[in-house]
Amino acid sequence: MLRFFNHYIALPTLLLATIEAALFFLLLVLITALSTDYEGLALWEAPYGVTELIAICAFFLTLLTAIGFYNRDAVFQLGTLLQRSVLFLSIVAFLGVLAWALDDMLPSLRLSSHISLFAMATVLNFVVILTIRVAFISFPKFDVFKRRVLVLGRGDMGNRIVSFLRNEGATTLHEVGYLDVAALTQTPSQDGSGVTFEDLPKFAKKAKADEIVIATREWRGLPVWELLECKMTGVHVTDYLTFWERETGQIDLDEVKPSWLALSDGFRVNRLRKIIKRGFDISVSLSFLFLTLPLMVITALLIKIESAGPVFYRQTRVGLNGRHFEVIKFRSMRSDAEVDGIPKWATDVDPRITRVGQFIRRSRIDEIPQAFNVLLGHMSFVGPRPERPYFVNELEDQLPLYSLRHNVRPGITGWAQVNYPYGASVEDAKQKLAYDLYYVKNGGLFLDLVILTQTVRVVLSGDGAR
């Protein structure tokens, strides 16, 4: 894993994105060169310069990232890859039809000429990408870039890491050993389960381990000098919580302690970062409201036609430093949804939700008016989702670290929203808190851009909507 502006990125994913971006750029250059040298093959009016080619390449890469092509599940899983491919081709086809439709309205932009180049290069490059991905999936033993991990420790923590290494993490990590700390004092056996303190560096070298993960709560019995010797030979030594945070993008709430949060890297807050964050929020919100204005007008009319009541729905939420504010959303439920005054979690099949409400919830259109909350300073565009005071009181009693998410402004979208379905229970809230704490600890402008990009996939696919 590489740490880029506090956010972790898998090395195979970064290399894959770099290769695919380079291939796309070369295809663009080749097709443009053919149009320049051989007029009979030209499908557009003028060749592009380097700046335009880089811009098209960046758009292509951003689109792939937005629909989740570089998520762990799409890099090495054929089923997910094919689903994302259908979504990608649908978006490209829509953009192509839109460009041709606008060509008559805006002839000076020569949109049809631009789309010819983009379409040809996209189709060719997409074939190359699928070939590369299928090759990776078809050869599971292709582990050149996999990090070789030796797990030191038994029990719940050790078992959880081994389970992760053999399942979700199998695409980027490879398990080379699983040792019990207590067994390190025994006589070595043929299977290596009885490695002594002195033999640990040799065992790690023989296994070609890149990293040793300490998966135990008790550190007093650890072979510290031998671990230091391993570290001096280039083997990274990592504690369980750091490994879990890095590989899963979340904090393990069952094992984390306030002392680890206080001493670990992260939670960087300064005035410059606040100014940049606020400027980013205002510019994105204004652009977002301008682009979605026609959609907002249509949504308001549909809500008004279907059911009696106001178009907008105001609800008290808990924001920065625990202060209350009223969030603004399009109304998606009947006006008497909570006539008894008791807040209720939304369910998969909720009779309170209207037909229009069902659609705008699944497409996240109901969240658009919250951009006004961002302009007013109640919210950020990216951050933990604000919760209602009733549920906050309940969750703070059951989840001791829940109040930490109130140290940043809540957001319209967030790290939990792009990684976990809609929360409708205390257990769901716990899972989402694990992601929210990762964001609070490692958040920055780069992670905000990653989340905004990933939100496109969530909106288009309807993941997690209720």
Protein backbone atom coordinates (compact mmCIF):
# COMPACT_ATOMS: atom_id res chain seq x y z
CA MET A 1 0.00 0.00 0.00
CA LEU A 2 1.14 3.53 -0.79
CA ARG A 3 0.00 6.40 1.40
CA PHE A 4 -1.01 9.37 -0.70
CA PHE A 5 -2.15 12.46 1.26
CA ASN A 6 -2.99 10.19 4.25
CA HIS A 7 -5.14 7.85 2.12
CA TYR A 8 -3.93 4.35 1.28
CA ILE A 9 -3.82 3.13 -2.34
CA ALA A 10 -2.94 -0.44 -3.31
CA LEU A 11 0.22 -0.65 -5.46
CA PRO A 12 -1.32 -3.10 -8.01
CA THR A 13 -4.27 -0.75 -8.47
CA LEU A 14 -2.00 2.25 -8.99
CA LEU A 15 0.16 0.37 -11.50
CA LEU A 16 -2.94 -0.90 -13.32
CA ALA A 17 -4.36 2.64 -13.59
CA THR A 18 -1.00 3.97 -14.81
CA ILE A 19 -0.70 1.28 -17.50
CA GLU A 20 -4.27 1.79 -18.70
CA ALA A 21 -3.91 5.57 -18.79
CA ALA A 22 -0.66 5.26 -20.78
CA LEU A 23 -2.27 2.85 -23.26
CA PHE A 24 -5.22 5.16 -23.76
CA PHE A 25 -2.92 8.14 -24.35
CA LEU A 26 -0.89 6.17 -26.94
CA LEU A 27 -4.08 5.15 -28.74
CA LEU A 28 -5.21 8.77 -28.85
CA VAL A 29 -1.83 9.84 -30.26
CA LEU A 30 -1.91 7.05 -32.86
CA ILE A 31 -5.43 7.82 -34.08
CA THR A 32 -4.71 11.57 -34.19
CA ALA A 33 -1.49 10.92 -36.14
CA LEU A 34 -3.38 8.81 -38.68
CA SER A 35 -5.91 11.59 -39.17
CA THR A 36 -3.09 14.05 -39.81
CA ASP A 37 -1.02 11.93 -42.16
CA TYR A 38 -3.77 10.19 -44.08
CA GLU A 39 -6.66 12.50 -44.86
CA GLY A 40 -8.76 9.63 -46.18
CA LEU A 41 -8.87 8.08 -42.70
CA ALA A 42 -9.81 11.29 -40.90
CA LEU A 43 -13.14 11.03 -39.06
CA TRP A 44 -12.89 14.47 -37.47
CA GLU A 45 -11.88 17.93 -38.52
CA ALA A 46 -8.67 18.69 -36.71
CA PRO A 47 -6.00 16.79 -34.76
CA TYR A 48 -5.56 17.42 -31.06
CA GLY A 49 -2.60 18.86 -29.26
CA VAL A 50 -0.92 17.26 -26.25
CA THR A 51 -3.00 19.31 -23.79
CA GLU A 52 -6.30 18.16 -25.29
CA LEU A 53 -5.13 14.54 -25.39
CA ILE A 54 -4.12 14.65 -21.72
CA ALA A 55 -7.51 16.17 -20.82
CA ILE A 56 -9.39 13.41 -22.70
CA CYS A 57 -7.19 10.78 -21.06
CA ALA A 58 -7.82 12.26 -17.60
CA PHE A 59 -11.58 12.26 -18.24
CA PHE A 60 -11.44 8.61 -19.32
CA LEU A 61 -9.49 7.61 -16.19
CA THR A 62 -11.82 9.62 -13.94
CA LEU A 63 -14.84 7.92 -15.49
CA LEU A 64 -13.35 4.47 -14.87
CA THR A 65 -12.57 5.43 -11.28
CA ALA A 66 -16.06 6.87 -10.75
CA ILE A 67 -17.82 3.63 -11.66
CA GLY A 68 -15.50 1.57 -9.46
CA PHE A 69 -13.13 0.01 -12.01
CA TYR A 70 -10.25 0.41 -9.57
CA ASN A 71 -12.04 -0.89 -6.50
CA ARG A 72 -10.67 -4.13 -5.10
CA ASP A 73 -13.75 -6.13 -6.15
CA ALA A 74 -13.50 -5.01 -9.80
CA VAL A 75 -9.76 -5.43 -10.29
CA PHE A 76 -9.70 -9.21 -9.91
CA GLN A 77 -13.34 -10.41 -9.87
CA LEU A 78 -14.78 -11.19 -13.28
CA GLY A 79 -18.46 -10.87 -12.33
CA THR A 80 -18.06 -7.40 -10.85
CA LEU A 81 -15.81 -6.38 -13.74
CA LEU A 82 -18.48 -7.30 -16.29
CA GLN A 83 -21.18 -5.41 -14.34
CA ARG A 84 -19.03 -2.30 -14.20
CA SER A 85 -18.20 -2.71 -17.90
CA VAL A 86 -21.88 -2.60 -18.83
CA LEU A 87 -22.29 0.57 -16.74
CA PHE A 88 -19.21 2.14 -18.36
CA LEU A 89 -20.35 1.42 -21.92
CA SER A 90 -23.83 2.74 -21.10
CA ILE A 91 -22.35 6.03 -19.89
CA VAL A 92 -20.10 6.35 -22.95
CA ALA A 93 -23.06 5.63 -25.25
CA PHE A 94 -25.15 8.26 -23.45
CA LEU A 95 -22.38 10.84 -23.76
CA GLY A 96 -22.07 10.04 -27.45
CA VAL A 97 -25.80 10.47 -28.11
CA LEU A 98 -25.80 13.69 -26.07
CA ALA A 99 -22.85 15.08 -28.07
CA TRP A 100 -24.53 14.33 -31.41
CA ALA A 101 -27.80 15.86 -30.19
CA LEU A 102 -26.06 19.06 -29.08
CA ASP A 103 -23.97 19.30 -32.24
CA ASP A 104 -26.68 21.16 -34.15
CA MET A 105 -27.28 23.54 -31.23
CA LEU A 106 -23.59 24.33 -30.69
CA PRO A 107 -21.85 23.80 -34.06
CA SER A 108 -18.81 25.85 -33.08
CA LEU A 109 -17.79 23.21 -30.50
CA ARG A 110 -17.71 20.44 -33.16
CA LEU A 111 -18.94 17.93 -30.58
CA SER A 112 -19.58 15.20 -33.14
CA SER A 113 -15.98 15.49 -34.34
CA HIS A 114 -14.67 15.22 -30.80
CA ILE A 115 -16.88 12.25 -29.97
CA SER A 116 -15.63 10.35 -33.03
CA LEU A 117 -12.08 10.37 -31.70
CA PHE A 118 -13.17 9.65 -28.16
CA ALA A 119 -15.49 6.79 -29.18
CA MET A 120 -12.90 5.07 -31.38
CA ALA A 121 -10.12 5.35 -28.79
CA THR A 122 -12.47 4.34 -25.95
CA VAL A 123 -13.65 1.17 -27.65
CA LEU A 124 -10.12 0.12 -28.61
CA ASN A 125 -8.71 0.88 -25.17
CA PHE A 126 -11.62 -0.80 -23.44
CA VAL A 127 -10.85 -4.03 -25.28
CA VAL A 128 -7.24 -3.76 -24.12
CA ILE A 129 -8.34 -3.11 -20.51
CA LEU A 130 -10.67 -6.11 -20.47
CA THR A 131 -7.89 -8.29 -21.88
CA ILE A 132 -5.50 -7.16 -19.12
CA ARG A 133 -8.11 -7.64 -16.38
CA VAL A 134 -9.20 -11.09 -17.60
CA ALA A 135 -5.53 -12.11 -17.70
CA PHE A 136 -5.10 -11.03 -14.07
CA ILE A 137 -8.26 -12.89 -13.02
CA SER A 138 -7.42 -16.02 -15.02
CA PHE A 139 -4.01 -16.38 -13.40
CA PRO A 140 -4.59 -16.18 -9.62
CA LYS A 141 -0.99 -17.25 -8.94
CA PHE A 142 0.24 -14.07 -10.59
CA ASP A 143 1.45 -12.55 -7.31
CA VAL A 144 4.42 -10.45 -8.40
CA PHE A 145 2.95 -7.37 -6.73
CA LYS A 146 1.35 -9.16 -3.77
CA ARG A 147 2.70 -8.29 -0.36
CA ARG A 148 3.80 -11.41 1.56
CA VAL A 149 2.42 -11.27 5.11
CA LEU A 150 3.46 -13.23 8.19
CA VAL A 151 0.85 -13.11 10.98
CA LEU A 152 2.17 -13.26 14.53
CA GLY A 153 -0.59 -14.05 17.02
CA ARG A 154 -3.59 -16.30 17.51
CA GLY A 155 -7.12 -15.65 18.76
CA ASP A 156 -9.79 -13.36 17.32
CA MET A 157 -7.38 -10.79 15.88
CA GLY A 158 -5.13 -13.35 14.21
CA ASN A 159 -8.05 -15.35 12.83
CA ARG A 160 -9.65 -12.20 11.45
CA ILE A 161 -6.50 -11.17 9.60
CA VAL A 162 -5.97 -14.67 8.17
CA SER A 163 -9.60 -14.77 7.02
CA PHE A 164 -9.10 -11.38 5.36
CA LEU A 165 -5.87 -12.50 3.68
CA ARG A 166 -7.59 -15.57 2.24
CA ASN A 167 -10.67 -13.71 1.02
CA GLU A 168 -11.00 -9.94 0.37
CA GLY A 169 -7.26 -9.28 0.61
CA ALA A 170 -6.19 -12.22 -1.57
CA THR A 171 -5.85 -9.97 -4.62
CA THR A 172 -3.06 -7.84 -3.15
CA LEU A 173 -1.75 -9.85 -0.18
CA HIS A 174 -0.35 -13.34 0.30
CA GLU A 175 -0.23 -15.21 3.61
CA VAL A 176 3.14 -16.90 4.21
CA GLY A 177 2.77 -17.93 7.85
CA TYR A 178 0.60 -17.87 10.95
CA LEU A 179 2.53 -18.16 14.21
CA ASP A 180 1.35 -18.34 17.80
CA VAL A 181 3.32 -16.05 20.12
CA ALA A 182 3.32 -18.73 22.83
CA ALA A 183 4.77 -21.28 20.40
CA LEU A 184 7.85 -19.13 19.82
CA THR A 185 9.43 -20.44 23.04
CA GLN A 186 9.08 -24.11 22.05
CA THR A 187 11.36 -26.39 20.06
CA PRO A 188 11.01 -25.84 16.31
CA SER A 189 8.94 -28.41 14.43
CA GLN A 190 8.82 -29.28 10.75
CA ASP A 191 5.70 -27.21 10.06
CA GLY A 192 7.28 -24.12 11.60
CA SER A 193 4.65 -23.76 14.33
CA GLY A 194 7.32 -24.07 17.02
CA VAL A 195 9.76 -21.40 15.85
CA THR A 196 11.91 -20.06 18.69
CA PHE A 197 12.60 -16.40 19.38
CA GLU A 198 16.04 -16.70 17.82
CA ASP A 199 14.69 -18.42 14.69
CA LEU A 200 12.02 -15.81 13.91
CA PRO A 201 14.25 -13.67 11.61
CA LYS A 202 15.39 -16.82 9.75
CA PHE A 203 11.79 -18.02 9.42
CA ALA A 204 10.70 -14.63 8.05
CA LYS A 205 13.59 -14.63 5.58
CA LYS A 206 12.86 -18.21 4.44
CA ALA A 207 9.18 -17.33 3.93
CA LYS A 208 10.25 -14.19 2.01
CA ALA A 209 7.94 -12.14 4.21
CA ASP A 210 7.53 -8.47 3.35
CA GLU A 211 5.60 -7.69 6.50
CA ILE A 212 4.96 -9.11 9.98
CA VAL A 213 1.59 -8.20 11.49
CA ILE A 214 1.34 -8.30 15.29
CA ALA A 215 -2.16 -9.69 15.92
CA THR A 216 -2.23 -9.93 19.70
CA ARG A 217 -3.54 -7.75 22.52
CA GLU A 218 -0.67 -8.66 24.83
CA TRP A 219 2.63 -7.11 23.76
CA ARG A 220 4.73 -7.95 26.83
CA GLY A 221 5.58 -11.46 25.59
CA LEU A 222 6.66 -10.40 22.12
CA PRO A 223 10.21 -11.11 20.85
CA VAL A 224 11.06 -7.43 20.53
CA TRP A 225 14.76 -7.78 19.65
CA GLU A 226 14.03 -10.42 17.01
CA LEU A 227 11.28 -8.24 15.52
CA LEU A 228 13.75 -5.35 15.43
CA GLU A 229 16.24 -7.59 13.60
CA CYS A 230 13.53 -8.44 11.06
CA LYS A 231 12.80 -4.75 10.62
CA MET A 232 16.48 -3.98 10.07
CA THR A 233 16.55 -6.49 7.20
CA GLY A 234 13.68 -4.75 5.39
CA VAL A 235 10.67 -6.60 6.82
CA HIS A 236 7.98 -4.17 7.93
CA VAL A 237 6.52 -4.76 11.40
CA THR A 238 2.94 -3.54 11.75
CA ASP A 239 0.40 -3.65 14.55
CA TYR A 240 -3.04 -5.12 13.92
CA LEU A 241 -5.01 -1.84 14.01
CA THR A 242 -2.70 -0.08 11.55
CA PHE A 243 -2.83 -3.05 9.17
CA TRP A 244 -6.63 -3.24 9.37
CA GLU A 245 -7.02 0.51 8.80
CA ARG A 246 -4.66 0.46 5.82
CA GLU A 247 -6.14 -2.57 4.05
CA THR A 248 -9.87 -2.12 4.73
CA GLY A 249 -10.29 1.67 4.91
CA GLN A 250 -11.94 1.45 8.32
CA ILE A 251 -11.14 1.37 12.04
CA ASP A 252 -11.82 -1.86 13.96
CA LEU A 253 -14.15 -0.62 16.69
CA ASP A 254 -13.91 -3.89 18.64
CA GLU A 255 -10.17 -3.52 19.16
CA VAL A 256 -9.39 0.20 18.98
CA LYS A 257 -8.59 2.17 22.12
CA PRO A 258 -8.47 5.95 22.58
CA SER A 259 -4.73 5.68 23.33
CA TRP A 260 -4.06 4.20 19.86
CA LEU A 261 -6.07 6.97 18.20
CA ALA A 262 -4.20 9.60 20.20
CA LEU A 263 -0.73 8.26 19.38
CA SER A 264 -1.28 7.18 15.75
CA ASP A 265 -0.84 9.43 12.73
CA GLY A 266 -3.83 11.43 11.54
CA PHE A 267 -6.44 13.86 12.93
CA ARG A 268 -4.51 16.78 11.46
CA VAL A 269 -6.43 20.02 11.83
CA ASN A 270 -5.09 23.47 10.94
CA ARG A 271 -6.43 26.80 9.74
CA LEU A 272 -5.15 26.45 6.16
CA ARG A 273 -6.84 23.08 5.76
CA LYS A 274 -10.12 24.52 7.06
CA ILE A 275 -9.93 27.42 4.59
CA ILE A 276 -9.21 25.08 1.65
CA LYS A 277 -11.99 22.74 2.72
CA ARG A 278 -14.50 25.59 3.00
CA GLY A 279 -13.53 27.04 -0.36
CA PHE A 280 -13.86 23.60 -1.94
CA ASP A 281 -17.33 23.16 -0.41
CA ILE A 282 -18.63 26.50 -1.64
CA SER A 283 -17.33 26.10 -5.20
CA VAL A 284 -18.60 22.51 -5.53
CA SER A 285 -22.01 23.35 -4.04
CA LEU A 286 -22.59 26.34 -6.32
CA SER A 287 -21.59 24.31 -9.39
CA PHE A 288 -23.74 21.40 -8.22
CA LEU A 289 -26.83 23.58 -7.69
CA PHE A 290 -26.40 25.26 -11.07
CA LEU A 291 -26.08 21.93 -12.92
CA THR A 292 -28.99 20.28 -11.09
CA LEU A 293 -31.43 23.23 -11.22
CA PRO A 294 -33.58 21.72 -14.04
CA LEU A 295 -33.69 18.39 -12.21
CA MET A 296 -34.72 20.10 -8.97
CA VAL A 297 -37.61 21.88 -10.72
CA ILE A 298 -38.88 18.62 -12.25
CA THR A 299 -38.55 16.78 -8.92
CA ALA A 300 -40.48 19.50 -7.07
CA LEU A 301 -43.34 19.29 -9.60
CA LEU A 302 -43.54 15.49 -9.34
CA ILE A 303 -43.63 15.57 -5.55
CA LYS A 304 -46.37 18.18 -5.57
CA ILE A 305 -48.45 16.25 -8.13
CA GLU A 306 -48.27 12.90 -6.33
CA SER A 307 -49.05 13.82 -2.72
CA ALA A 308 -50.21 16.70 -0.60
CA GLY A 309 -47.68 18.48 1.54
CA PRO A 310 -44.54 20.58 1.21
CA VAL A 311 -41.93 19.88 -1.46
CA PHE A 312 -39.03 20.21 0.96
CA TYR A 313 -38.62 18.37 4.22
CA ARG A 314 -36.76 19.87 7.16
CA GLN A 315 -35.39 17.68 9.90
CA THR A 316 -33.17 18.37 12.91
CA ARG A 317 -29.74 16.76 12.69
CA VAL A 318 -26.56 16.84 14.80
CA GLY A 319 -23.68 18.68 13.18
CA LEU A 320 -20.20 19.99 13.95
CA ASN A 321 -19.33 19.89 17.68
CA GLY A 322 -22.76 18.43 18.44
CA ARG A 323 -24.70 21.53 17.38
CA HIS A 324 -28.18 21.01 15.96
CA PHE A 325 -29.30 22.30 12.57
CA GLU A 326 -32.15 21.69 10.14
CA VAL A 327 -31.23 19.64 7.10
CA ILE A 328 -33.12 20.37 3.85
CA LYS A 329 -34.20 17.46 1.63
CA PHE A 330 -36.84 16.73 -0.98
CA ARG A 331 -39.79 15.09 0.76
CA SER A 332 -39.84 11.37 -0.04
CA MET A 333 -42.40 10.19 2.54
CA ARG A 334 -46.02 10.95 3.29
CA SER A 335 -46.59 14.07 5.37
CA ASP A 336 -47.85 11.90 8.26
CA ALA A 337 -44.86 9.53 8.19
CA GLU A 338 -44.10 10.11 11.88
CA VAL A 339 -47.44 11.35 13.13
CA ASP A 340 -46.77 9.79 16.56
CA GLY A 341 -43.57 11.84 16.89
CA ILE A 342 -41.33 8.79 17.36
CA PRO A 343 -38.34 8.57 14.95
CA LYS A 344 -38.04 5.27 13.08
CA TRP A 345 -35.30 3.71 10.97
CA ALA A 346 -36.16 3.44 7.26
CA THR A 347 -36.66 -0.14 6.04
CA ASP A 348 -36.24 -1.89 2.67
CA VAL A 349 -40.00 -1.91 2.04
CA ASP A 350 -41.25 1.16 3.88
CA PRO A 351 -44.96 1.96 3.35
CA ARG A 352 -44.33 5.59 4.33
CA ILE A 353 -42.28 6.23 1.17
CA THR A 354 -44.16 7.54 -1.89
CA ARG A 355 -43.56 6.28 -5.44
CA VAL A 356 -41.68 9.45 -6.37
CA GLY A 357 -39.93 9.23 -3.02
CA GLN A 358 -38.76 5.70 -3.80
CA PHE A 359 -37.15 6.89 -7.03
CA ILE A 360 -35.49 10.01 -5.64
CA ARG A 361 -34.14 8.03 -2.67
CA ARG A 362 -32.65 5.33 -4.89
CA SER A 363 -31.10 7.91 -7.20
CA ARG A 364 -30.11 10.18 -4.25
CA ILE A 365 -31.97 13.10 -5.81
CA ASP A 366 -33.62 13.76 -2.43
CA GLU A 367 -30.18 14.79 -1.10
CA ILE A 368 -29.62 17.62 -3.64
CA PRO A 369 -31.17 20.47 -1.54
CA GLN A 370 -28.57 19.79 1.16
CA ALA A 371 -26.20 21.83 -1.00
CA PHE A 372 -27.96 24.84 0.58
CA ASN A 373 -26.90 23.52 4.00
CA VAL A 374 -23.33 23.41 2.70
CA LEU A 375 -23.52 27.06 1.58
CA LEU A 376 -24.91 28.02 4.99
CA GLY A 377 -21.99 26.29 6.71
CA HIS A 378 -24.07 23.62 8.45
CA MET A 379 -22.53 20.85 6.37
CA SER A 380 -19.60 20.01 4.13
CA PHE A 381 -20.03 18.39 0.74
CA VAL A 382 -18.03 15.38 1.97
CA GLY A 383 -18.16 14.07 5.51
CA PRO A 384 -20.00 11.68 7.84
CA ARG A 385 -23.76 11.72 7.29
CA PRO A 386 -25.56 13.80 9.95
CA GLU A 387 -27.87 11.81 12.20
CA ARG A 388 -30.98 12.77 14.15
CA PRO A 389 -30.55 13.68 17.87
CA TYR A 390 -32.81 10.80 18.95
CA PHE A 391 -30.59 8.22 17.24
CA VAL A 392 -27.37 10.02 18.24
CA ASN A 393 -28.26 9.67 21.94
CA GLU A 394 -29.01 5.98 21.41
CA LEU A 395 -25.83 5.34 19.42
CA GLU A 396 -23.53 7.26 21.79
CA ASP A 397 -24.70 5.01 24.63
CA GLN A 398 -23.84 1.86 22.68
CA LEU A 399 -20.84 3.04 20.63
CA PRO A 400 -18.31 4.88 22.85
CA LEU A 401 -16.41 6.49 19.96
CA TYR A 402 -19.51 7.70 18.10
CA SER A 403 -19.12 11.32 19.24
CA LEU A 404 -15.73 11.59 17.42
CA ARG A 405 -17.54 11.87 14.08
CA HIS A 406 -18.93 15.23 15.25
CA ASN A 407 -15.41 16.74 15.20
CA VAL A 408 -15.84 17.41 11.46
CA ARG A 409 -18.74 18.89 9.53
CA PRO A 410 -21.25 16.27 8.34
CA GLY A 411 -21.50 15.74 4.60
CA ILE A 412 -23.93 15.08 1.76
CA THR A 413 -21.80 12.08 0.82
CA GLY A 414 -19.03 10.34 2.72
CA TRP A 415 -16.57 7.47 2.97
CA ALA A 416 -19.18 5.27 4.67
CA GLN A 417 -21.76 6.04 1.97
CA VAL A 418 -19.53 4.80 -0.88
CA ASN A 419 -18.41 1.69 1.02
CA TYR A 420 -21.46 0.49 2.96
CA PRO A 421 -25.22 0.27 2.28
CA TYR A 422 -27.82 2.50 3.88
CA GLY A 423 -27.84 2.14 7.70
CA ALA A 424 -31.08 1.02 9.35
CA SER A 425 -29.96 -0.40 12.70
CA VAL A 426 -27.42 0.01 15.48
CA GLU A 427 -25.24 -2.69 13.89
CA ASP A 428 -25.31 -0.81 10.57
CA ALA A 429 -24.40 2.39 12.40
CA LYS A 430 -21.43 0.58 13.96
CA GLN A 431 -20.18 -0.59 10.57
CA LYS A 432 -20.54 2.89 9.10
CA LEU A 433 -18.81 4.44 12.13
CA ALA A 434 -15.77 2.27 11.33
CA TYR A 435 -15.57 4.04 7.94
CA ASP A 436 -16.44 7.47 9.36
CA LEU A 437 -13.57 7.29 11.86
CA TYR A 438 -11.18 6.43 9.02
CA TYR A 439 -12.35 9.60 7.26
CA VAL A 440 -12.10 11.75 10.41
CA LYS A 441 -8.58 10.42 10.99
CA ASN A 442 -7.26 10.55 7.40
CA GLY A 443 -9.56 12.98 5.61
CA GLY A 444 -8.24 15.62 3.25
CA LEU A 445 -8.86 17.17 -0.15
CA PHE A 446 -7.54 14.09 -1.97
CA LEU A 447 -9.85 11.70 -0.11
CA ASP A 448 -12.74 14.13 -0.67
CA LEU A 449 -12.12 13.93 -4.44
CA VAL A 450 -11.98 10.13 -4.25
CA ILE A 451 -15.32 10.06 -2.40
CA LEU A 452 -16.98 12.49 -4.83
CA THR A 453 -15.80 10.37 -7.75
CA GLN A 454 -17.00 7.14 -6.13
CA THR A 455 -20.39 8.72 -5.38
CA VAL A 456 -21.12 8.64 -9.12
CA ARG A 457 -21.13 4.82 -8.99
CA VAL A 458 -23.38 4.80 -5.91
CA VAL A 459 -25.88 7.14 -7.55
CA LEU A 460 -25.95 5.34 -10.93
CA SER A 461 -26.16 1.86 -9.44
CA GLY A 462 -28.52 2.74 -6.59
CA ASP A 463 -26.29 0.95 -4.07
CA GLY A 464 -27.49 1.21 -0.50
CA ALA A 465 -30.60 3.29 -1.15
CA ARG A 466 -33.68 2.95 1.06
